[in-house]
């Protein structure tokens, strides 16, 4: 019998602030801004849904209820990732 789990979350991830422009997330002592203008899927979401964030060591943020996934590289190097958001 195997007790191993796939996708173990090992890093600390916190939603630190939210306002009408977007939200800020702290991961391993680095803060990232997610602007609502670039990620409109968050605009109609409840706070409860937004707070249900998961961070995977591969650098992926995920909101399963909202069907939103964001790679940290897209937040730290937005010029390298042109956004085409479909909801």
PDB file of N, CA and C in Angstrom:
ATOM      1  N   UNK A   1       0.843  -1.176   0.000  1.00  0.00           N
ATOM      2  CA  UNK A   1       0.000   0.000   0.000  1.00  0.00           C
ATOM      3  C   UNK A   1       0.888   1.239   0.000  1.00  0.00           C
ATOM      4  N   UNK A   2       0.525   2.235  -0.825  1.00  0.00           N
ATOM      5  CA  UNK A   2       1.275   3.481  -0.921  1.00  0.00           C
ATOM      6  C   UNK A   2       0.515   4.595  -0.216  1.00  0.00           C
ATOM      7  N   UNK A   3       1.216   5.365   0.579  1.00  0.00           N
ATOM      8  CA  UNK A   3       0.604   6.491   1.274  1.00  0.00           C
ATOM      9  C   UNK A   3       1.075   7.825   0.720  1.00  0.00           C
ATOM     10  N   UNK A   4       1.807   7.806  -0.388  1.00  0.00           N
ATOM     11  CA  UNK A   4       2.313   9.061  -0.945  1.00  0.00           C
ATOM     12  C   UNK A   4       1.176   9.861  -1.552  1.00  0.00           C
ATOM     13  N   UNK A   5       1.340  11.187  -1.549  1.00  0.00           N
ATOM     14  CA  UNK A   5       0.343  12.096  -2.084  1.00  0.00           C
ATOM     15  C   UNK A   5       0.978  12.912  -3.202  1.00  0.00           C
ATOM     16  N   UNK A   6       0.258  13.095  -4.277  1.00  0.00           N
ATOM     17  CA  UNK A   6       0.726  13.958  -5.352  1.00  0.00           C
ATOM     18  C   UNK A   6       0.390  15.405  -5.028  1.00  0.00           C
ATOM     19  N   UNK A   7       1.231  16.334  -5.501  1.00  0.00           N
ATOM     20  CA  UNK A   7       0.936  17.758  -5.380  1.00  0.00           C
ATOM     21  C   UNK A   7       0.973  18.284  -3.965  1.00  0.00           C
ATOM     22  N   UNK A   8       1.879  17.816  -3.135  1.00  0.00           N
ATOM     23  CA  UNK A   8       1.981  18.295  -1.766  1.00  0.00           C
ATOM     24  C   UNK A   8       2.310  19.782  -1.749  1.00  0.00           C
ATOM     25  N   UNK A   9       1.594  20.522  -0.957  1.00  0.00           N
ATOM     26  CA  UNK A   9       1.821  21.956  -0.846  1.00  0.00           C
ATOM     27  C   UNK A   9       2.823  22.183   0.274  1.00  0.00           C
ATOM     28  N   UNK A  10       3.961  22.812  -0.066  1.00  0.00           N
ATOM     29  CA  UNK A  10       5.021  22.961   0.921  1.00  0.00           C
ATOM     30  C   UNK A  10       5.331  24.408   1.249  1.00  0.00           C
ATOM     31  N   UNK A  11       4.915  25.347   0.442  1.00  0.00           N
ATOM     32  CA  UNK A  11       5.239  26.746   0.662  1.00  0.00           C
ATOM     33  C   UNK A  11       4.076  27.486   1.301  1.00  0.00           C
ATOM     34  N   UNK A  12       4.413  28.534   2.015  1.00  0.00           N
ATOM     35  CA  UNK A  12       3.416  29.359   2.661  1.00  0.00           C
ATOM     36  C   UNK A  12       2.837  30.332   1.641  1.00  0.00           C
ATOM     37  N   UNK A  13       1.537  30.404   1.556  1.00  0.00           N
ATOM     38  CA  UNK A  13       0.849  31.289   0.614  1.00  0.00           C
ATOM     39  C   UNK A  13      -0.306  31.967   1.341  1.00  0.00           C
ATOM     40  N   UNK A  14      -0.317  33.312   1.325  1.00  0.00           N
ATOM     41  CA  UNK A  14      -1.361  34.055   2.026  1.00  0.00           C
ATOM     42  C   UNK A  14      -1.884  35.182   1.154  1.00  0.00           C
ATOM     43  N   UNK A  15      -3.171  35.372   1.183  1.00  0.00           N
ATOM     44  CA  UNK A  15      -3.768  36.551   0.599  1.00  0.00           C
ATOM     45  C   UNK A  15      -3.586  37.661   1.625  1.00  0.00           C
ATOM     46  N   UNK A  16      -2.826  38.711   1.277  1.00  0.00           N
ATOM     47  CA  UNK A  16      -2.490  39.745   2.262  1.00  0.00           C
ATOM     48  C   UNK A  16      -3.363  40.984   2.163  1.00  0.00           C
ATOM     49  N   UNK A  17      -3.913  41.247   0.961  1.00  0.00           N
ATOM     50  CA  UNK A  17      -4.725  42.441   0.796  1.00  0.00           C
ATOM     51  C   UNK A  17      -5.601  42.301  -0.448  1.00  0.00           C
ATOM     52  N   UNK A  18      -6.727  42.982  -0.407  1.00  0.00           N
ATOM     53  CA  UNK A  18      -7.616  43.004  -1.562  1.00  0.00           C
ATOM     54  C   UNK A  18      -8.342  44.350  -1.570  1.00  0.00           C
ATOM     55  N   UNK A  19      -8.452  44.939  -2.775  1.00  0.00           N
ATOM     56  CA  UNK A  19      -9.217  46.170  -2.918  1.00  0.00           C
ATOM     57  C   UNK A  19      -9.852  46.189  -4.301  1.00  0.00           C
ATOM     58  N   UNK A  20     -10.331  47.333  -4.746  1.00  0.00           N
ATOM     59  CA  UNK A  20     -11.025  47.383  -6.027  1.00  0.00           C
ATOM     60  C   UNK A  20     -10.089  47.236  -7.231  1.00  0.00           C
ATOM     61  N   UNK A  21      -8.772  47.304  -7.028  1.00  0.00           N
ATOM     62  CA  UNK A  21      -7.804  47.144  -8.124  1.00  0.00           C
ATOM     63  C   UNK A  21      -7.323  45.712  -8.309  1.00  0.00           C
ATOM     64  N   UNK A  22      -7.285  44.966  -7.212  1.00  0.00           N
ATOM     65  CA  UNK A  22      -6.791  43.598  -7.303  1.00  0.00           C
ATOM     66  C   UNK A  22      -6.478  43.022  -5.944  1.00  0.00           C
ATOM     67  N   UNK A  23      -5.658  41.984  -5.956  1.00  0.00           N
ATOM     68  CA  UNK A  23      -5.294  41.328  -4.705  1.00  0.00           C
ATOM     69  C   UNK A  23      -3.794  41.082  -4.645  1.00  0.00           C
ATOM     70  N   UNK A  24      -3.284  41.010  -3.434  1.00  0.00           N
ATOM     71  CA  UNK A  24      -1.879  40.777  -3.177  1.00  0.00           C
ATOM     72  C   UNK A  24      -1.735  39.449  -2.450  1.00  0.00           C
ATOM     73  N   UNK A  25      -0.772  38.671  -2.908  1.00  0.00           N
ATOM     74  CA  UNK A  25      -0.528  37.355  -2.330  1.00  0.00           C
ATOM     75  C   UNK A  25       0.931  37.279  -1.922  1.00  0.00           C
ATOM     76  N   UNK A  26       1.169  36.791  -0.715  1.00  0.00           N
ATOM     77  CA  UNK A  26       2.522  36.623  -0.183  1.00  0.00           C
ATOM     78  C   UNK A  26       2.894  35.149  -0.251  1.00  0.00           C
ATOM     79  N   UNK A  27       4.016  34.873  -0.937  1.00  0.00           N
ATOM     80  CA  UNK A  27       4.517  33.505  -1.064  1.00  0.00           C
ATOM     81  C   UNK A  27       6.003  33.516  -0.746  1.00  0.00           C
ATOM     82  N   UNK A  28       6.380  32.781   0.275  1.00  0.00           N
ATOM     83  CA  UNK A  28       7.789  32.684   0.659  1.00  0.00           C
ATOM     84  C   UNK A  28       8.463  34.053   0.745  1.00  0.00           C
ATOM     85  N   UNK A  29       7.851  34.988   1.454  1.00  0.00           N
ATOM     86  CA  UNK A  29       8.393  36.332   1.691  1.00  0.00           C
ATOM     87  C   UNK A  29       8.458  37.215   0.453  1.00  0.00           C
ATOM     88  N   UNK A  30       7.758  36.857  -0.621  1.00  0.00           N
ATOM     89  CA  UNK A  30       7.677  37.700  -1.806  1.00  0.00           C
ATOM     90  C   UNK A  30       6.208  37.958  -2.107  1.00  0.00           C
ATOM     91  N   UNK A  31       5.885  39.242  -2.347  1.00  0.00           N
ATOM     92  CA  UNK A  31       4.499  39.596  -2.596  1.00  0.00           C
ATOM     93  C   UNK A  31       4.243  39.767  -4.095  1.00  0.00           C
ATOM     94  N   UNK A  32       3.098  39.266  -4.531  1.00  0.00           N
ATOM     95  CA  UNK A  32       2.675  39.337  -5.930  1.00  0.00           C
ATOM     96  C   UNK A  32       1.341  40.058  -5.998  1.00  0.00           C
ATOM     97  N   UNK A  33       1.175  40.898  -7.035  1.00  0.00           N
ATOM     98  CA  UNK A  33      -0.073  41.615  -7.258  1.00  0.00           C
ATOM     99  C   UNK A  33      -0.817  40.976  -8.425  1.00  0.00           C
ATOM    100  N   UNK A  34      -2.098  40.733  -8.240  1.00  0.00           N
ATOM    101  CA  UNK A  34      -2.960  40.178  -9.286  1.00  0.00           C
ATOM    102  C   UNK A  34      -4.025  41.232  -9.586  1.00  0.00           C
ATOM    103  N   UNK A  35      -3.833  41.982 -10.674  1.00  0.00           N
ATOM    104  CA  UNK A  35      -4.797  43.043 -10.995  1.00  0.00           C
ATOM    105  C   UNK A  35      -6.086  42.487 -11.594  1.00  0.00           C
ATOM    106  N   UNK A  36      -7.212  43.000 -11.136  1.00  0.00           N
ATOM    107  CA  UNK A  36      -8.495  42.552 -11.654  1.00  0.00           C
ATOM    108  C   UNK A  36      -8.659  42.879 -13.136  1.00  0.00           C
ATOM    109  N   UNK A  37      -8.011  43.945 -13.607  1.00  0.00           N
ATOM    110  CA  UNK A  37      -8.138  44.285 -15.023  1.00  0.00           C
ATOM    111  C   UNK A  37      -7.524  43.203 -15.907  1.00  0.00           C
ATOM    112  N   UNK A  38      -6.501  42.518 -15.400  1.00  0.00           N
ATOM    113  CA  UNK A  38      -5.863  41.435 -16.159  1.00  0.00           C
ATOM    114  C   UNK A  38      -6.477  40.073 -15.869  1.00  0.00           C
ATOM    115  N   UNK A  39      -7.102  39.938 -14.724  1.00  0.00           N
ATOM    116  CA  UNK A  39      -7.710  38.667 -14.311  1.00  0.00           C
ATOM    117  C   UNK A  39      -9.165  38.927 -13.881  1.00  0.00           C
ATOM    118  N   UNK A  40     -10.038  39.218 -14.848  1.00  0.00           N
ATOM    119  CA  UNK A  40     -11.419  39.612 -14.520  1.00  0.00           C
ATOM    120  C   UNK A  40     -12.264  38.507 -13.883  1.00  0.00           C
ATOM    121  N   UNK A  41     -11.807  37.280 -13.902  1.00  0.00           N
ATOM    122  CA  UNK A  41     -12.548  36.196 -13.271  1.00  0.00           C
ATOM    123  C   UNK A  41     -12.739  36.389 -11.780  1.00  0.00           C
ATOM    124  N   UNK A  42     -11.915  37.243 -11.171  1.00  0.00           N
ATOM    125  CA  UNK A  42     -12.033  37.501  -9.737  1.00  0.00           C
ATOM    126  C   UNK A  42     -13.088  38.561  -9.412  1.00  0.00           C
ATOM    127  N   UNK A  43     -13.451  39.383 -10.375  1.00  0.00           N
ATOM    128  CA  UNK A  43     -14.355  40.520 -10.117  1.00  0.00           C
ATOM    129  C   UNK A  43     -15.703  40.105  -9.528  1.00  0.00           C
ATOM    130  N   UNK A  44     -16.281  39.053 -10.035  1.00  0.00           N
ATOM    131  CA  UNK A  44     -17.605  38.619  -9.582  1.00  0.00           C
ATOM    132  C   UNK A  44     -17.525  37.528  -8.507  1.00  0.00           C
ATOM    133  N   UNK A  45     -16.340  37.255  -8.027  1.00  0.00           N
ATOM    134  CA  UNK A  45     -16.137  36.187  -7.038  1.00  0.00           C
ATOM    135  C   UNK A  45     -16.370  36.701  -5.625  1.00  0.00           C
ATOM    136  N   UNK A  46     -16.780  35.802  -4.755  1.00  0.00           N
ATOM    137  CA  UNK A  46     -16.940  36.164  -3.348  1.00  0.00           C
ATOM    138  C   UNK A  46     -15.578  36.153  -2.662  1.00  0.00           C
ATOM    139  N   UNK A  47     -15.490  36.835  -1.538  1.00  0.00           N
ATOM    140  CA  UNK A  47     -14.246  36.818  -0.764  1.00  0.00           C
ATOM    141  C   UNK A  47     -13.905  35.401  -0.328  1.00  0.00           C
ATOM    142  N   UNK A  48     -14.925  34.643   0.046  1.00  0.00           N
ATOM    143  CA  UNK A  48     -14.699  33.256   0.449  1.00  0.00           C
ATOM    144  C   UNK A  48     -14.041  32.467  -0.681  1.00  0.00           C
ATOM    145  N   UNK A  49     -14.493  32.654  -1.908  1.00  0.00           N
ATOM    146  CA  UNK A  49     -13.897  31.951  -3.050  1.00  0.00           C
ATOM    147  C   UNK A  49     -12.456  32.401  -3.292  1.00  0.00           C
ATOM    148  N   UNK A  50     -12.207  33.696  -3.179  1.00  0.00           N
ATOM    149  CA  UNK A  50     -10.863  34.218  -3.418  1.00  0.00           C
ATOM    150  C   UNK A  50      -9.888  33.720  -2.355  1.00  0.00           C
ATOM    151  N   UNK A  51     -10.347  33.592  -1.117  1.00  0.00           N
ATOM    152  CA  UNK A  51      -9.468  33.126  -0.046  1.00  0.00           C
ATOM    153  C   UNK A  51      -9.115  31.640  -0.171  1.00  0.00           C
ATOM    154  N   UNK A  52      -9.834  30.899  -0.986  1.00  0.00           N
ATOM    155  CA  UNK A  52      -9.556  29.467  -1.155  1.00  0.00           C
ATOM    156  C   UNK A  52      -8.481  29.267  -2.225  1.00  0.00           C
ATOM    157  N   UNK A  53      -7.309  29.759  -1.937  1.00  0.00           N
ATOM    158  CA  UNK A  53      -6.182  29.699  -2.859  1.00  0.00           C
ATOM    159  C   UNK A  53      -5.271  28.539  -2.488  1.00  0.00           C
ATOM    160  N   UNK A  54      -4.719  27.897  -3.496  1.00  0.00           N
ATOM    161  CA  UNK A  54      -3.734  26.833  -3.273  1.00  0.00           C
ATOM    162  C   UNK A  54      -2.486  27.182  -4.063  1.00  0.00           C
ATOM    163  N   UNK A  55      -1.358  26.928  -3.463  1.00  0.00           N
ATOM    164  CA  UNK A  55      -0.075  27.152  -4.135  1.00  0.00           C
ATOM    165  C   UNK A  55       0.670  25.835  -4.217  1.00  0.00           C
ATOM    166  N   UNK A  56       1.122  25.515  -5.420  1.00  0.00           N
ATOM    167  CA  UNK A  56       1.865  24.281  -5.647  1.00  0.00           C
ATOM    168  C   UNK A  56       3.329  24.615  -5.900  1.00  0.00           C
ATOM    169  N   UNK A  57       4.244  23.778  -5.424  1.00  0.00           N
ATOM    170  CA  UNK A  57       5.683  24.038  -5.572  1.00  0.00           C
ATOM    171  C   UNK A  57       6.144  24.239  -7.014  1.00  0.00           C
ATOM    172  N   UNK A  58       5.358  23.824  -7.975  1.00  0.00           N
ATOM    173  CA  UNK A  58       5.710  24.038  -9.375  1.00  0.00           C
ATOM    174  C   UNK A  58       5.583  25.508  -9.769  1.00  0.00           C
ATOM    175  N   UNK A  59       5.058  26.340  -8.866  1.00  0.00           N
ATOM    176  CA  UNK A  59       4.889  27.757  -9.147  1.00  0.00           C
ATOM    177  C   UNK A  59       3.499  28.101  -9.631  1.00  0.00           C
ATOM    178  N   UNK A  60       2.550  27.257  -9.322  1.00  0.00           N
ATOM    179  CA  UNK A  60       1.173  27.425  -9.794  1.00  0.00           C
ATOM    180  C   UNK A  60       0.254  27.838  -8.656  1.00  0.00           C
ATOM    181  N   UNK A  61      -0.528  28.892  -8.885  1.00  0.00           N
ATOM    182  CA  UNK A  61      -1.601  29.289  -7.980  1.00  0.00           C
ATOM    183  C   UNK A  61      -2.902  28.758  -8.554  1.00  0.00           C
ATOM    184  N   UNK A  62      -3.794  28.304  -7.691  1.00  0.00           N
ATOM    185  CA  UNK A  62      -5.028  27.717  -8.186  1.00  0.00           C
ATOM    186  C   UNK A  62      -6.203  28.075  -7.283  1.00  0.00           C
ATOM    187  N   UNK A  63      -7.298  28.433  -7.934  1.00  0.00           N
ATOM    188  CA  UNK A  63      -8.584  28.648  -7.279  1.00  0.00           C
ATOM    189  C   UNK A  63      -9.540  27.665  -7.935  1.00  0.00           C
ATOM    190  N   UNK A  64      -9.692  26.501  -7.360  1.00  0.00           N
ATOM    191  CA  UNK A  64     -10.474  25.437  -7.984  1.00  0.00           C
ATOM    192  C   UNK A  64     -11.930  25.825  -8.206  1.00  0.00           C
ATOM    193  N   UNK A  65     -12.573  26.450  -7.215  1.00  0.00           N
ATOM    194  CA  UNK A  65     -13.980  26.839  -7.355  1.00  0.00           C
ATOM    195  C   UNK A  65     -14.187  27.831  -8.497  1.00  0.00           C
ATOM    196  N   UNK A  66     -13.185  28.657  -8.750  1.00  0.00           N
ATOM    197  CA  UNK A  66     -13.299  29.690  -9.777  1.00  0.00           C
ATOM    198  C   UNK A  66     -12.747  29.239 -11.124  1.00  0.00           C
ATOM    199  N   UNK A  67     -12.131  28.068 -11.144  1.00  0.00           N
ATOM    200  CA  UNK A  67     -11.483  27.556 -12.353  1.00  0.00           C
ATOM    201  C   UNK A  67     -10.442  28.549 -12.878  1.00  0.00           C
ATOM    202  N   UNK A  68      -9.626  29.084 -11.945  1.00  0.00           N
ATOM    203  CA  UNK A  68      -8.562  30.026 -12.284  1.00  0.00           C
ATOM    204  C   UNK A  68      -7.237  29.452 -11.811  1.00  0.00           C
ATOM    205  N   UNK A  69      -6.270  29.420 -12.715  1.00  0.00           N
ATOM    206  CA  UNK A  69      -4.906  29.001 -12.408  1.00  0.00           C
ATOM    207  C   UNK A  69      -3.959  30.073 -12.944  1.00  0.00           C
ATOM    208  N   UNK A  70      -2.965  30.436 -12.142  1.00  0.00           N
ATOM    209  CA  UNK A  70      -1.994  31.446 -12.555  1.00  0.00           C
ATOM    210  C   UNK A  70      -0.599  30.942 -12.227  1.00  0.00           C
ATOM    211  N   UNK A  71       0.298  31.019 -13.183  1.00  0.00           N
ATOM    212  CA  UNK A  71       1.695  30.678 -12.974  1.00  0.00           C
ATOM    213  C   UNK A  71       2.398  31.912 -12.406  1.00  0.00           C
ATOM    214  N   UNK A  72       3.233  31.730 -11.384  1.00  0.00           N
ATOM    215  CA  UNK A  72       3.922  32.872 -10.776  1.00  0.00           C
ATOM    216  C   UNK A  72       4.775  33.634 -11.775  1.00  0.00           C
ATOM    217  N   UNK A  73       5.315  32.960 -12.777  1.00  0.00           N
ATOM    218  CA  UNK A  73       6.111  33.660 -13.788  1.00  0.00           C
ATOM    219  C   UNK A  73       5.272  34.689 -14.530  1.00  0.00           C
ATOM    220  N   UNK A  74       3.985  34.416 -14.711  1.00  0.00           N
ATOM    221  CA  UNK A  74       3.099  35.372 -15.377  1.00  0.00           C
ATOM    222  C   UNK A  74       2.912  36.632 -14.530  1.00  0.00           C
ATOM    223  N   UNK A  75       3.054  36.503 -13.215  1.00  0.00           N
ATOM    224  CA  UNK A  75       2.941  37.659 -12.330  1.00  0.00           C
ATOM    225  C   UNK A  75       4.265  38.395 -12.181  1.00  0.00           C
ATOM    226  N   UNK A  76       5.368  37.667 -12.153  1.00  0.00           N
ATOM    227  CA  UNK A  76       6.667  38.307 -11.976  1.00  0.00           C
ATOM    228  C   UNK A  76       7.280  38.802 -13.281  1.00  0.00           C
ATOM    229  N   UNK A  77       6.854  38.233 -14.420  1.00  0.00           N
ATOM    230  CA  UNK A  77       7.350  38.641 -15.735  1.00  0.00           C
ATOM    231  C   UNK A  77       6.171  38.810 -16.702  1.00  0.00           C
ATOM    232  N   UNK A  78       5.245  39.716 -16.415  1.00  0.00           N
ATOM    233  CA  UNK A  78       4.028  39.816 -17.230  1.00  0.00           C
ATOM    234  C   UNK A  78       4.294  40.138 -18.703  1.00  0.00           C
ATOM    235  N   UNK A  79       5.383  40.826 -18.990  1.00  0.00           N
ATOM    236  CA  UNK A  79       5.692  41.157 -20.378  1.00  0.00           C
ATOM    237  C   UNK A  79       5.998  39.919 -21.222  1.00  0.00           C
ATOM    238  N   UNK A  80       6.365  38.831 -20.581  1.00  0.00           N
ATOM    239  CA  UNK A  80       6.659  37.590 -21.295  1.00  0.00           C
ATOM    240  C   UNK A  80       5.428  36.724 -21.507  1.00  0.00           C
ATOM    241  N   UNK A  81       4.303  37.122 -20.901  1.00  0.00           N
ATOM    242  CA  UNK A  81       3.077  36.326 -20.970  1.00  0.00           C
ATOM    243  C   UNK A  81       1.898  37.210 -21.354  1.00  0.00           C
ATOM    244  N   UNK A  82       1.703  37.433 -22.660  1.00  0.00           N
ATOM    245  CA  UNK A  82       0.531  38.229 -23.048  1.00  0.00           C
ATOM    246  C   UNK A  82      -0.751  37.525 -22.604  1.00  0.00           C
ATOM    247  N   UNK A  83      -1.649  38.288 -22.007  1.00  0.00           N
ATOM    248  CA  UNK A  83      -2.861  37.706 -21.445  1.00  0.00           C
ATOM    249  C   UNK A  83      -3.995  37.635 -22.458  1.00  0.00           C
ATOM    250  N   UNK A  84      -4.582  36.483 -22.528  1.00  0.00           N
ATOM    251  CA  UNK A  84      -5.826  36.283 -23.276  1.00  0.00           C
ATOM    252  C   UNK A  84      -6.710  35.494 -22.330  1.00  0.00           C
ATOM    253  N   UNK A  85      -7.553  36.194 -21.588  1.00  0.00           N
ATOM    254  CA  UNK A  85      -8.357  35.555 -20.553  1.00  0.00           C
ATOM    255  C   UNK A  85      -9.729  35.236 -21.106  1.00  0.00           C
ATOM    256  N   UNK A  86     -10.141  34.017 -20.912  1.00  0.00           N
ATOM    257  CA  UNK A  86     -11.484  33.603 -21.316  1.00  0.00           C
ATOM    258  C   UNK A  86     -12.152  32.987 -20.101  1.00  0.00           C
ATOM    259  N   UNK A  87     -13.335  33.426 -19.816  1.00  0.00           N
ATOM    260  CA  UNK A  87     -14.054  32.885 -18.657  1.00  0.00           C
ATOM    261  C   UNK A  87     -15.376  32.333 -19.096  1.00  0.00           C
TER     262      UNK A  87
END
